[in-house]
């Protein structure tokens, strides 16, 4: 009998994206290196994967990057 996973890949990905947004919300001006280290400690993600997630959040206009520092985008 095959066990069904408690969380699928999409749910895990969504949680990780939300973790990054919340991290930036709590610490506006955070740098990518700190985001990468904190996510590695919490989830085991590589620096490359965290960078991809952050890039996606910037492209989706949820995060804003200014001179290497990140903040949550203002709601319209």
PDB file of N, CA and C in Angstrom:
ATOM      1  N   UNK A   1       0.840  -1.180   0.000  1.00  0.00           N
ATOM      2  CA  UNK A   1       0.000   0.000   0.000  1.00  0.00           C
ATOM      3  C   UNK A   1       0.887   1.246   0.000  1.00  0.00           C
ATOM      4  N   UNK A   2       0.605   2.141  -0.922  1.00  0.00           N
ATOM      5  CA  UNK A   2       1.411   3.350  -1.063  1.00  0.00           C
ATOM      6  C   UNK A   2       0.902   4.444  -0.127  1.00  0.00           C
ATOM      7  N   UNK A   3       1.835   5.050   0.605  1.00  0.00           N
ATOM      8  CA  UNK A   3       1.459   6.157   1.498  1.00  0.00           C
ATOM      9  C   UNK A   3       1.364   7.443   0.694  1.00  0.00           C
ATOM     10  N   UNK A   4       0.389   8.261   1.006  1.00  0.00           N
ATOM     11  CA  UNK A   4       0.285   9.557   0.358  1.00  0.00           C
ATOM     12  C   UNK A   4       1.032  10.573   1.216  1.00  0.00           C
ATOM     13  N   UNK A   5       1.782  11.466   0.562  1.00  0.00           N
ATOM     14  CA  UNK A   5       2.535  12.457   1.343  1.00  0.00           C
ATOM     15  C   UNK A   5       1.582  13.409   2.071  1.00  0.00           C
ATOM     16  N   UNK A   6       2.010  13.852   3.237  1.00  0.00           N
ATOM     17  CA  UNK A   6       1.195  14.802   3.994  1.00  0.00           C
ATOM     18  C   UNK A   6       1.122  16.148   3.277  1.00  0.00           C
ATOM     19  N   UNK A   7       2.218  16.515   2.618  1.00  0.00           N
ATOM     20  CA  UNK A   7       2.255  17.770   1.865  1.00  0.00           C
ATOM     21  C   UNK A   7       2.849  17.482   0.503  1.00  0.00           C
ATOM     22  N   UNK A   8       2.251  18.033  -0.521  1.00  0.00           N
ATOM     23  CA  UNK A   8       2.820  17.838  -1.854  1.00  0.00           C
ATOM     24  C   UNK A   8       3.872  18.909  -2.132  1.00  0.00           C
ATOM     25  N   UNK A   9       4.560  18.777  -3.257  1.00  0.00           N
ATOM     26  CA  UNK A   9       5.634  19.707  -3.600  1.00  0.00           C
ATOM     27  C   UNK A   9       5.178  21.149  -3.691  1.00  0.00           C
ATOM     28  N   UNK A  10       3.986  21.365  -4.230  1.00  0.00           N
ATOM     29  CA  UNK A  10       3.475  22.735  -4.370  1.00  0.00           C
ATOM     30  C   UNK A  10       3.227  23.371  -3.004  1.00  0.00           C
ATOM     31  N   UNK A  11       2.714  22.596  -2.069  1.00  0.00           N
ATOM     32  CA  UNK A  11       2.450  23.116  -0.724  1.00  0.00           C
ATOM     33  C   UNK A  11       3.754  23.480  -0.026  1.00  0.00           C
ATOM     34  N   UNK A  12       4.763  22.643  -0.185  1.00  0.00           N
ATOM     35  CA  UNK A  12       6.065  22.916   0.427  1.00  0.00           C
ATOM     36  C   UNK A  12       6.679  24.173  -0.181  1.00  0.00           C
ATOM     37  N   UNK A  13       6.602  24.293  -1.499  1.00  0.00           N
ATOM     38  CA  UNK A  13       7.143  25.467  -2.195  1.00  0.00           C
ATOM     39  C   UNK A  13       6.447  26.741  -1.745  1.00  0.00           C
ATOM     40  N   UNK A  14       5.129  26.683  -1.647  1.00  0.00           N
ATOM     41  CA  UNK A  14       4.340  27.842  -1.195  1.00  0.00           C
ATOM     42  C   UNK A  14       4.760  28.256   0.216  1.00  0.00           C
ATOM     43  N   UNK A  15       4.939  27.280   1.115  1.00  0.00           N
ATOM     44  CA  UNK A  15       5.376  27.574   2.483  1.00  0.00           C
ATOM     45  C   UNK A  15       6.735  28.262   2.487  1.00  0.00           C
ATOM     46  N   UNK A  16       7.630  27.792   1.645  1.00  0.00           N
ATOM     47  CA  UNK A  16       8.970  28.376   1.599  1.00  0.00           C
ATOM     48  C   UNK A  16       8.948  29.796   1.063  1.00  0.00           C
ATOM     49  N   UNK A  17       8.143  30.040   0.033  1.00  0.00           N
ATOM     50  CA  UNK A  17       7.999  31.402  -0.493  1.00  0.00           C
ATOM     51  C   UNK A  17       7.420  32.319   0.582  1.00  0.00           C
ATOM     52  N   UNK A  18       6.421  31.842   1.294  1.00  0.00           N
ATOM     53  CA  UNK A  18       5.822  32.633   2.365  1.00  0.00           C
ATOM     54  C   UNK A  18       6.826  32.890   3.491  1.00  0.00           C
ATOM     55  N   UNK A  19       7.684  31.904   3.781  1.00  0.00           N
ATOM     56  CA  UNK A  19       8.723  32.080   4.804  1.00  0.00           C
ATOM     57  C   UNK A  19       9.657  33.227   4.438  1.00  0.00           C
ATOM     58  N   UNK A  20      10.042  33.273   3.160  1.00  0.00           N
ATOM     59  CA  UNK A  20      10.946  34.334   2.704  1.00  0.00           C
ATOM     60  C   UNK A  20      10.268  35.692   2.815  1.00  0.00           C
ATOM     61  N   UNK A  21       9.019  35.793   2.373  1.00  0.00           N
ATOM     62  CA  UNK A  21       8.302  37.069   2.458  1.00  0.00           C
ATOM     63  C   UNK A  21       8.183  37.508   3.915  1.00  0.00           C
ATOM     64  N   UNK A  22       7.850  36.596   4.805  1.00  0.00           N
ATOM     65  CA  UNK A  22       7.715  36.934   6.223  1.00  0.00           C
ATOM     66  C   UNK A  22       9.054  37.359   6.823  1.00  0.00           C
ATOM     67  N   UNK A  23      10.122  36.696   6.434  1.00  0.00           N
ATOM     68  CA  UNK A  23      11.454  37.051   6.906  1.00  0.00           C
ATOM     69  C   UNK A  23      11.800  38.491   6.512  1.00  0.00           C
ATOM     70  N   UNK A  24      11.509  38.838   5.250  1.00  0.00           N
ATOM     71  CA  UNK A  24      11.785  40.185   4.754  1.00  0.00           C
ATOM     72  C   UNK A  24      10.851  41.199   5.424  1.00  0.00           C
ATOM     73  N   UNK A  25       9.617  40.804   5.685  1.00  0.00           N
ATOM     74  CA  UNK A  25       8.668  41.697   6.362  1.00  0.00           C
ATOM     75  C   UNK A  25       9.177  42.049   7.772  1.00  0.00           C
ATOM     76  N   UNK A  26       9.713  41.043   8.467  1.00  0.00           N
ATOM     77  CA  UNK A  26      10.223  41.259   9.827  1.00  0.00           C
ATOM     78  C   UNK A  26      11.518  42.060   9.853  1.00  0.00           C
ATOM     79  N   UNK A  27      12.279  41.980   8.760  1.00  0.00           N
ATOM     80  CA  UNK A  27      13.580  42.652   8.726  1.00  0.00           C
ATOM     81  C   UNK A  27      13.781  43.372   7.396  1.00  0.00           C
ATOM     82  N   UNK A  28      13.086  44.513   7.208  1.00  0.00           N
ATOM     83  CA  UNK A  28      13.243  45.265   5.955  1.00  0.00           C
ATOM     84  C   UNK A  28      14.705  45.664   5.770  1.00  0.00           C
ATOM     85  N   UNK A  29      15.185  45.555   4.554  1.00  0.00           N
ATOM     86  CA  UNK A  29      16.573  45.895   4.267  1.00  0.00           C
ATOM     87  C   UNK A  29      17.508  44.698   4.357  1.00  0.00           C
ATOM     88  N   UNK A  30      16.962  43.522   4.599  1.00  0.00           N
ATOM     89  CA  UNK A  30      17.763  42.304   4.714  1.00  0.00           C
ATOM     90  C   UNK A  30      18.503  42.039   3.402  1.00  0.00           C
ATOM     91  N   UNK A  31      19.696  41.484   3.508  1.00  0.00           N
ATOM     92  CA  UNK A  31      20.507  41.167   2.327  1.00  0.00           C
ATOM     93  C   UNK A  31      20.295  39.707   1.930  1.00  0.00           C
ATOM     94  N   UNK A  32      20.579  39.398   0.674  1.00  0.00           N
ATOM     95  CA  UNK A  32      20.349  38.052   0.145  1.00  0.00           C
ATOM     96  C   UNK A  32      21.132  37.002   0.924  1.00  0.00           C
ATOM     97  N   UNK A  33      22.344  37.328   1.345  1.00  0.00           N
ATOM     98  CA  UNK A  33      23.152  36.332   2.062  1.00  0.00           C
ATOM     99  C   UNK A  33      22.492  35.908   3.370  1.00  0.00           C
ATOM    100  N   UNK A  34      21.889  36.845   4.064  1.00  0.00           N
ATOM    101  CA  UNK A  34      21.210  36.503   5.317  1.00  0.00           C
ATOM    102  C   UNK A  34      19.958  35.675   5.042  1.00  0.00           C
ATOM    103  N   UNK A  35      19.221  36.013   3.992  1.00  0.00           N
ATOM    104  CA  UNK A  35      18.049  35.218   3.609  1.00  0.00           C
ATOM    105  C   UNK A  35      18.493  33.788   3.294  1.00  0.00           C
ATOM    106  N   UNK A  36      19.581  33.663   2.542  1.00  0.00           N
ATOM    107  CA  UNK A  36      20.072  32.345   2.153  1.00  0.00           C
ATOM    108  C   UNK A  36      20.476  31.511   3.367  1.00  0.00           C
ATOM    109  N   UNK A  37      21.195  32.109   4.298  1.00  0.00           N
ATOM    110  CA  UNK A  37      21.655  31.376   5.481  1.00  0.00           C
ATOM    111  C   UNK A  37      20.470  30.962   6.344  1.00  0.00           C
ATOM    112  N   UNK A  38      19.546  31.888   6.581  1.00  0.00           N
ATOM    113  CA  UNK A  38      18.396  31.555   7.422  1.00  0.00           C
ATOM    114  C   UNK A  38      17.535  30.468   6.792  1.00  0.00           C
ATOM    115  N   UNK A  39      17.329  30.529   5.482  1.00  0.00           N
ATOM    116  CA  UNK A  39      16.533  29.495   4.813  1.00  0.00           C
ATOM    117  C   UNK A  39      17.273  28.156   4.802  1.00  0.00           C
ATOM    118  N   UNK A  40      18.591  28.191   4.665  1.00  0.00           N
ATOM    119  CA  UNK A  40      19.364  26.951   4.725  1.00  0.00           C
ATOM    120  C   UNK A  40      19.219  26.309   6.096  1.00  0.00           C
ATOM    121  N   UNK A  41      19.255  27.104   7.139  1.00  0.00           N
ATOM    122  CA  UNK A  41      19.127  26.581   8.501  1.00  0.00           C
ATOM    123  C   UNK A  41      17.728  26.016   8.749  1.00  0.00           C
ATOM    124  N   UNK A  42      16.715  26.656   8.213  1.00  0.00           N
ATOM    125  CA  UNK A  42      15.332  26.223   8.452  1.00  0.00           C
ATOM    126  C   UNK A  42      14.888  25.071   7.554  1.00  0.00           C
ATOM    127  N   UNK A  43      15.357  25.091   6.294  1.00  0.00           N
ATOM    128  CA  UNK A  43      14.801  24.149   5.316  1.00  0.00           C
ATOM    129  C   UNK A  43      15.834  23.265   4.633  1.00  0.00           C
ATOM    130  N   UNK A  44      17.100  23.658   4.692  1.00  0.00           N
ATOM    131  CA  UNK A  44      18.134  22.919   3.983  1.00  0.00           C
ATOM    132  C   UNK A  44      18.292  23.323   2.530  1.00  0.00           C
ATOM    133  N   UNK A  45      17.591  24.353   2.109  1.00  0.00           N
ATOM    134  CA  UNK A  45      17.692  24.803   0.720  1.00  0.00           C
ATOM    135  C   UNK A  45      19.089  25.321   0.413  1.00  0.00           C
ATOM    136  N   UNK A  46      19.510  25.155  -0.837  1.00  0.00           N
ATOM    137  CA  UNK A  46      20.797  25.693  -1.271  1.00  0.00           C
ATOM    138  C   UNK A  46      20.686  27.193  -1.517  1.00  0.00           C
ATOM    139  N   UNK A  47      21.843  27.860  -1.543  1.00  0.00           N
ATOM    140  CA  UNK A  47      21.865  29.295  -1.837  1.00  0.00           C
ATOM    141  C   UNK A  47      21.253  29.572  -3.204  1.00  0.00           C
ATOM    142  N   UNK A  48      21.554  28.712  -4.163  1.00  0.00           N
ATOM    143  CA  UNK A  48      21.026  28.889  -5.521  1.00  0.00           C
ATOM    144  C   UNK A  48      19.507  28.829  -5.534  1.00  0.00           C
ATOM    145  N   UNK A  49      18.924  27.850  -4.853  1.00  0.00           N
ATOM    146  CA  UNK A  49      17.470  27.699  -4.827  1.00  0.00           C
ATOM    147  C   UNK A  49      16.819  28.901  -4.136  1.00  0.00           C
ATOM    148  N   UNK A  50      17.403  29.360  -3.031  1.00  0.00           N
ATOM    149  CA  UNK A  50      16.852  30.530  -2.326  1.00  0.00           C
ATOM    150  C   UNK A  50      16.906  31.750  -3.247  1.00  0.00           C
ATOM    151  N   UNK A  51      18.011  31.915  -3.954  1.00  0.00           N
ATOM    152  CA  UNK A  51      18.123  33.034  -4.899  1.00  0.00           C
ATOM    153  C   UNK A  51      17.043  32.973  -5.974  1.00  0.00           C
ATOM    154  N   UNK A  52      16.749  31.768  -6.454  1.00  0.00           N
ATOM    155  CA  UNK A  52      15.695  31.602  -7.452  1.00  0.00           C
ATOM    156  C   UNK A  52      14.334  31.991  -6.874  1.00  0.00           C
ATOM    157  N   UNK A  53      14.069  31.582  -5.643  1.00  0.00           N
ATOM    158  CA  UNK A  53      12.807  31.947  -4.993  1.00  0.00           C
ATOM    159  C   UNK A  53      12.704  33.468  -4.821  1.00  0.00           C
ATOM    160  N   UNK A  54      13.783  34.097  -4.358  1.00  0.00           N
ATOM    161  CA  UNK A  54      13.773  35.549  -4.151  1.00  0.00           C
ATOM    162  C   UNK A  54      13.574  36.258  -5.491  1.00  0.00           C
ATOM    163  N   UNK A  55      14.246  35.797  -6.529  1.00  0.00           N
ATOM    164  CA  UNK A  55      14.085  36.397  -7.859  1.00  0.00           C
ATOM    165  C   UNK A  55      12.630  36.302  -8.319  1.00  0.00           C
ATOM    166  N   UNK A  56      12.031  35.147  -8.091  1.00  0.00           N
ATOM    167  CA  UNK A  56      10.630  34.953  -8.464  1.00  0.00           C
ATOM    168  C   UNK A  56       9.719  35.908  -7.698  1.00  0.00           C
ATOM    169  N   UNK A  57       9.985  36.114  -6.420  1.00  0.00           N
ATOM    170  CA  UNK A  57       9.176  37.023  -5.603  1.00  0.00           C
ATOM    171  C   UNK A  57       9.351  38.471  -6.049  1.00  0.00           C
ATOM    172  N   UNK A  58      10.560  38.843  -6.499  1.00  0.00           N
ATOM    173  CA  UNK A  58      10.800  40.195  -7.027  1.00  0.00           C
ATOM    174  C   UNK A  58      10.062  40.354  -8.352  1.00  0.00           C
ATOM    175  N   UNK A  59      10.164  39.346  -9.218  1.00  0.00           N
ATOM    176  CA  UNK A  59       9.467  39.406 -10.512  1.00  0.00           C
ATOM    177  C   UNK A  59       7.955  39.470 -10.319  1.00  0.00           C
ATOM    178  N   UNK A  60       7.450  38.814  -9.290  1.00  0.00           N
ATOM    179  CA  UNK A  60       6.027  38.835  -8.981  1.00  0.00           C
ATOM    180  C   UNK A  60       5.598  40.069  -8.207  1.00  0.00           C
ATOM    181  N   UNK A  61       6.548  40.974  -7.972  1.00  0.00           N
ATOM    182  CA  UNK A  61       6.310  42.248  -7.298  1.00  0.00           C
ATOM    183  C   UNK A  61       5.839  42.088  -5.860  1.00  0.00           C
ATOM    184  N   UNK A  62       6.239  40.993  -5.214  1.00  0.00           N
ATOM    185  CA  UNK A  62       5.965  40.825  -3.786  1.00  0.00           C
ATOM    186  C   UNK A  62       7.114  41.378  -2.957  1.00  0.00           C
ATOM    187  N   UNK A  63       8.324  41.313  -3.518  1.00  0.00           N
ATOM    188  CA  UNK A  63       9.502  41.889  -2.876  1.00  0.00           C
ATOM    189  C   UNK A  63      10.102  42.940  -3.798  1.00  0.00           C
ATOM    190  N   UNK A  64      10.794  43.899  -3.188  1.00  0.00           N
ATOM    191  CA  UNK A  64      11.496  44.944  -3.928  1.00  0.00           C
ATOM    192  C   UNK A  64      12.953  44.894  -3.496  1.00  0.00           C
ATOM    193  N   UNK A  65      13.850  45.006  -4.473  1.00  0.00           N
ATOM    194  CA  UNK A  65      15.285  45.014  -4.184  1.00  0.00           C
ATOM    195  C   UNK A  65      15.836  46.400  -4.482  1.00  0.00           C
ATOM    196  N   UNK A  66      16.533  46.967  -3.510  1.00  0.00           N
ATOM    197  CA  UNK A  66      17.165  48.278  -3.687  1.00  0.00           C
ATOM    198  C   UNK A  66      18.592  48.191  -3.189  1.00  0.00           C
ATOM    199  N   UNK A  67      19.527  48.293  -4.120  1.00  0.00           N
ATOM    200  CA  UNK A  67      20.959  48.280  -3.807  1.00  0.00           C
ATOM    201  C   UNK A  67      21.353  47.087  -2.940  1.00  0.00           C
ATOM    202  N   UNK A  68      20.844  45.935  -3.286  1.00  0.00           N
ATOM    203  CA  UNK A  68      21.216  44.719  -2.576  1.00  0.00           C
ATOM    204  C   UNK A  68      20.436  44.435  -1.313  1.00  0.00           C
ATOM    205  N   UNK A  69      19.471  45.276  -1.002  1.00  0.00           N
ATOM    206  CA  UNK A  69      18.639  45.107   0.186  1.00  0.00           C
ATOM    207  C   UNK A  69      17.199  44.836  -0.252  1.00  0.00           C
ATOM    208  N   UNK A  70      16.508  43.976   0.477  1.00  0.00           N
ATOM    209  CA  UNK A  70      15.156  43.597   0.107  1.00  0.00           C
ATOM    210  C   UNK A  70      14.139  44.090   1.111  1.00  0.00           C
ATOM    211  N   UNK A  71      12.956  44.425   0.595  1.00  0.00           N
ATOM    212  CA  UNK A  71      11.812  44.775   1.439  1.00  0.00           C
ATOM    213  C   UNK A  71      10.548  44.268   0.767  1.00  0.00           C
ATOM    214  N   UNK A  72       9.484  44.165   1.541  1.00  0.00           N
ATOM    215  CA  UNK A  72       8.207  43.742   0.994  1.00  0.00           C
ATOM    216  C   UNK A  72       7.615  44.909   0.221  1.00  0.00           C
ATOM    217  N   UNK A  73       7.090  44.620  -0.957  1.00  0.00           N
ATOM    218  CA  UNK A  73       6.488  45.667  -1.793  1.00  0.00           C
ATOM    219  C   UNK A  73       5.233  46.201  -1.131  1.00  0.00           C
ATOM    220  N   UNK A  74       4.986  47.457  -1.334  1.00  0.00           N
ATOM    221  CA  UNK A  74       3.748  48.061  -0.818  1.00  0.00           C
ATOM    222  C   UNK A  74       2.560  47.515  -1.559  1.00  0.00           C
ATOM    223  N   UNK A  75       1.471  47.353  -0.838  1.00  0.00           N
ATOM    224  CA  UNK A  75       0.234  46.901  -1.482  1.00  0.00           C
ATOM    225  C   UNK A  75      -0.378  48.078  -2.212  1.00  0.00           C
ATOM    226  N   UNK A  76      -0.925  47.800  -3.379  1.00  0.00           N
ATOM    227  CA  UNK A  76      -1.553  48.848  -4.190  1.00  0.00           C
ATOM    228  C   UNK A  76      -2.932  49.173  -3.683  1.00  0.00           C
TER     229      UNK A  76
END
